[in-house]
Each structure stands twice: as structure tokens, then as C-alpha cells.
Amino acid sequence: MTSDAFALHSLQFEIRFQSLFHEGRGMAFPCDAAGRVDLEALSERGRSNYFFARAMVGREYATPSVRAA
């Protein structure tokens, strides 16, 4: 593994769903660099919120973005 690949792998990422109507509000969940969320690692409430945010993209939330945490 190159040092660049190791650095990318060791970073923490989050997928963020920004509210379309309330600036500064949104939901964020831990994910990998590709935006994949480990649903097993989330609490039941976290999974529920994640599925809600995904379902509300375009209605309540903007298209999610992946960011380094």
C-alpha cells in the first residue's frame, strides 16, 4: 500500500444530507470514501434517520455529499 493509499484509507468520511429549507441543518452519517454507510454499525434510530434522509432527497434534503470528517 502506498503512503497516499494508506492516508486515504485511514481518513474518516461522512455522508451529509443538507436541508433544502433550513441552512445549517442536516444529517450526517459515517461512511467510507465512496459514500457507503455500514448500516450494522448504526443504532436503530440512526438507521431510521439514514433511510428517512435518503427517501427525502429532493423534497427535504439536497443530494448528499461525502466529506472527510
N, C-alpha and C. Protein backbone atom coordinates (compact mmCIF):
# COMPACT_ATOMS: atom_id res chain seq x y z
N MET A 1 0.86 -1.18 0.00
CA MET A 1 0.00 0.00 0.00
C MET A 1 0.90 1.23 0.00
N THR A 2 0.66 2.13 -0.91
CA THR A 2 1.45 3.36 -0.97
C THR A 2 1.04 4.28 0.17
N SER A 3 1.86 5.26 0.45
CA SER A 3 1.53 6.19 1.54
C SER A 3 0.27 6.98 1.23
N ASP A 4 0.05 7.32 -0.06
CA ASP A 4 -1.17 8.03 -0.44
C ASP A 4 -2.40 7.16 -0.23
N ALA A 5 -2.31 5.90 -0.61
CA ALA A 5 -3.43 4.99 -0.43
C ALA A 5 -3.71 4.77 1.05
N PHE A 6 -2.65 4.66 1.85
CA PHE A 6 -2.83 4.49 3.29
C PHE A 6 -3.49 5.71 3.89
N ALA A 7 -3.06 6.89 3.49
CA ALA A 7 -3.63 8.13 4.03
C ALA A 7 -5.11 8.23 3.69
N LEU A 8 -5.47 7.88 2.46
CA LEU A 8 -6.87 7.93 2.05
C LEU A 8 -7.68 6.91 2.83
N HIS A 9 -7.11 5.72 3.02
CA HIS A 9 -7.82 4.65 3.72
C HIS A 9 -8.02 4.99 5.20
N SER A 10 -7.08 5.69 5.79
CA SER A 10 -7.15 5.96 7.22
C SER A 10 -8.03 7.17 7.56
N LEU A 11 -8.43 7.95 6.57
CA LEU A 11 -9.30 9.09 6.83
C LEU A 11 -10.71 8.63 7.17
N GLN A 12 -11.39 9.39 7.96
CA GLN A 12 -12.78 9.15 8.28
C GLN A 12 -13.63 10.00 7.35
N PHE A 13 -14.73 9.46 6.89
CA PHE A 13 -15.63 10.20 6.00
C PHE A 13 -17.03 10.21 6.57
N GLU A 14 -17.82 11.18 6.09
CA GLU A 14 -19.23 11.22 6.44
C GLU A 14 -20.02 11.58 5.20
N ILE A 15 -21.22 11.06 5.14
CA ILE A 15 -22.15 11.43 4.07
C ILE A 15 -23.13 12.42 4.71
N ARG A 16 -23.27 13.57 4.08
CA ARG A 16 -24.09 14.64 4.67
C ARG A 16 -25.27 14.96 3.77
N PHE A 17 -26.44 14.99 4.40
CA PHE A 17 -27.69 15.37 3.74
C PHE A 17 -28.05 16.75 4.27
N GLN A 18 -27.86 17.78 3.45
CA GLN A 18 -28.13 19.17 3.85
C GLN A 18 -29.60 19.50 3.62
N SER A 19 -30.23 20.16 4.58
CA SER A 19 -31.62 20.57 4.44
C SER A 19 -31.77 21.59 3.31
N LEU A 20 -32.82 21.45 2.54
CA LEU A 20 -33.10 22.40 1.46
C LEU A 20 -33.73 23.69 1.99
N PHE A 21 -34.30 23.63 3.18
CA PHE A 21 -35.08 24.76 3.69
C PHE A 21 -34.50 25.44 4.92
N HIS A 22 -33.63 24.74 5.65
CA HIS A 22 -33.07 25.29 6.88
C HIS A 22 -31.55 25.23 6.80
N GLU A 23 -30.94 26.37 6.42
CA GLU A 23 -29.49 26.42 6.27
C GLU A 23 -28.81 26.02 7.58
N GLY A 24 -27.79 25.21 7.47
CA GLY A 24 -27.06 24.75 8.65
C GLY A 24 -27.62 23.50 9.26
N ARG A 25 -28.78 23.07 8.82
CA ARG A 25 -29.37 21.83 9.34
C ARG A 25 -29.18 20.71 8.34
N GLY A 26 -29.07 19.55 8.86
CA GLY A 26 -28.92 18.38 8.01
C GLY A 26 -28.64 17.16 8.85
N MET A 27 -28.35 16.07 8.18
CA MET A 27 -28.00 14.84 8.86
C MET A 27 -26.70 14.33 8.26
N ALA A 28 -25.84 13.76 9.11
CA ALA A 28 -24.57 13.22 8.65
C ALA A 28 -24.38 11.84 9.27
N PHE A 29 -23.78 10.94 8.49
CA PHE A 29 -23.58 9.57 8.91
C PHE A 29 -22.17 9.13 8.52
N PRO A 30 -21.51 8.33 9.35
CA PRO A 30 -20.17 7.84 8.98
C PRO A 30 -20.26 6.94 7.75
N CYS A 31 -19.26 7.04 6.88
CA CYS A 31 -19.26 6.23 5.67
C CYS A 31 -17.82 6.03 5.20
N ASP A 32 -17.66 5.29 4.10
CA ASP A 32 -16.33 5.15 3.51
C ASP A 32 -16.17 6.22 2.44
N ALA A 33 -15.03 6.21 1.76
CA ALA A 33 -14.73 7.24 0.77
C ALA A 33 -15.71 7.25 -0.39
N ALA A 34 -16.38 6.14 -0.64
CA ALA A 34 -17.35 6.05 -1.74
C ALA A 34 -18.77 6.40 -1.29
N GLY A 35 -18.96 6.72 -0.01
CA GLY A 35 -20.28 7.09 0.49
C GLY A 35 -21.11 5.92 0.99
N ARG A 36 -20.50 4.75 1.13
CA ARG A 36 -21.23 3.58 1.62
C ARG A 36 -21.29 3.61 3.14
N VAL A 37 -22.49 3.49 3.67
CA VAL A 37 -22.72 3.52 5.11
C VAL A 37 -22.81 2.09 5.62
N ASP A 38 -22.12 1.80 6.73
CA ASP A 38 -22.21 0.48 7.38
C ASP A 38 -23.45 0.50 8.26
N LEU A 39 -24.54 -0.02 7.73
CA LEU A 39 -25.82 0.02 8.45
C LEU A 39 -25.76 -0.77 9.76
N GLU A 40 -24.94 -1.81 9.81
CA GLU A 40 -24.80 -2.62 11.02
C GLU A 40 -24.19 -1.80 12.16
N ALA A 41 -23.38 -0.82 11.82
CA ALA A 41 -22.70 -0.01 12.84
C ALA A 41 -23.60 1.10 13.40
N LEU A 42 -24.71 1.40 12.72
CA LEU A 42 -25.63 2.44 13.18
C LEU A 42 -26.60 1.88 14.21
N SER A 43 -27.05 2.75 15.10
CA SER A 43 -28.11 2.36 16.03
C SER A 43 -29.42 2.23 15.25
N GLU A 44 -30.43 1.71 15.88
CA GLU A 44 -31.73 1.59 15.22
C GLU A 44 -32.25 2.97 14.81
N ARG A 45 -32.09 3.94 15.70
CA ARG A 45 -32.52 5.31 15.39
C ARG A 45 -31.69 5.89 14.25
N GLY A 46 -30.38 5.62 14.26
CA GLY A 46 -29.50 6.09 13.20
C GLY A 46 -29.89 5.52 11.85
N ARG A 47 -30.20 4.22 11.81
CA ARG A 47 -30.65 3.59 10.56
C ARG A 47 -31.94 4.22 10.08
N SER A 48 -32.86 4.44 11.00
CA SER A 48 -34.14 5.05 10.64
C SER A 48 -33.92 6.46 10.06
N ASN A 49 -33.07 7.24 10.71
CA ASN A 49 -32.78 8.59 10.21
C ASN A 49 -32.09 8.54 8.85
N TYR A 50 -31.17 7.60 8.67
CA TYR A 50 -30.47 7.47 7.39
C TYR A 50 -31.46 7.14 6.27
N PHE A 51 -32.33 6.17 6.50
CA PHE A 51 -33.31 5.80 5.47
C PHE A 51 -34.27 6.95 5.19
N PHE A 52 -34.65 7.70 6.24
CA PHE A 52 -35.53 8.85 6.05
C PHE A 52 -34.84 9.91 5.19
N ALA A 53 -33.59 10.22 5.52
CA ALA A 53 -32.85 11.24 4.75
C ALA A 53 -32.72 10.81 3.29
N ARG A 54 -32.39 9.55 3.05
CA ARG A 54 -32.27 9.07 1.66
C ARG A 54 -33.60 9.19 0.92
N ALA A 55 -34.70 8.87 1.60
CA ALA A 55 -36.01 8.92 0.96
C ALA A 55 -36.47 10.35 0.68
N MET A 56 -35.95 11.30 1.44
CA MET A 56 -36.39 12.68 1.32
C MET A 56 -35.47 13.56 0.46
N VAL A 57 -34.48 12.94 -0.21
CA VAL A 57 -33.61 13.70 -1.11
C VAL A 57 -34.47 14.30 -2.22
N GLY A 58 -34.33 15.60 -2.42
CA GLY A 58 -35.11 16.31 -3.43
C GLY A 58 -36.39 16.91 -2.87
N ARG A 59 -36.81 16.47 -1.70
CA ARG A 59 -38.01 17.03 -1.06
C ARG A 59 -37.66 17.83 0.18
N GLU A 60 -36.84 17.24 1.03
CA GLU A 60 -36.41 17.89 2.27
C GLU A 60 -34.90 18.11 2.30
N TYR A 61 -34.16 17.21 1.65
CA TYR A 61 -32.70 17.27 1.68
C TYR A 61 -32.12 17.34 0.28
N ALA A 62 -30.96 18.01 0.17
CA ALA A 62 -30.23 18.08 -1.08
C ALA A 62 -29.54 16.75 -1.34
N THR A 63 -29.06 16.56 -2.56
CA THR A 63 -28.29 15.37 -2.88
C THR A 63 -27.12 15.30 -1.91
N PRO A 64 -26.90 14.14 -1.30
CA PRO A 64 -25.86 14.04 -0.27
C PRO A 64 -24.46 14.22 -0.84
N SER A 65 -23.57 14.67 0.02
CA SER A 65 -22.16 14.81 -0.35
C SER A 65 -21.31 14.04 0.65
N VAL A 66 -20.18 13.52 0.17
CA VAL A 66 -19.25 12.80 1.03
C VAL A 66 -18.11 13.74 1.36
N ARG A 67 -17.78 13.83 2.63
CA ARG A 67 -16.73 14.73 3.10
C ARG A 67 -15.81 14.02 4.07
N ALA A 68 -14.58 14.47 4.15
CA ALA A 68 -13.68 13.98 5.18
C ALA A 68 -14.20 14.52 6.51
N ALA A 69 -14.24 13.65 7.51
CA ALA A 69 -14.76 14.07 8.82
C ALA A 69 -13.66 14.64 9.69
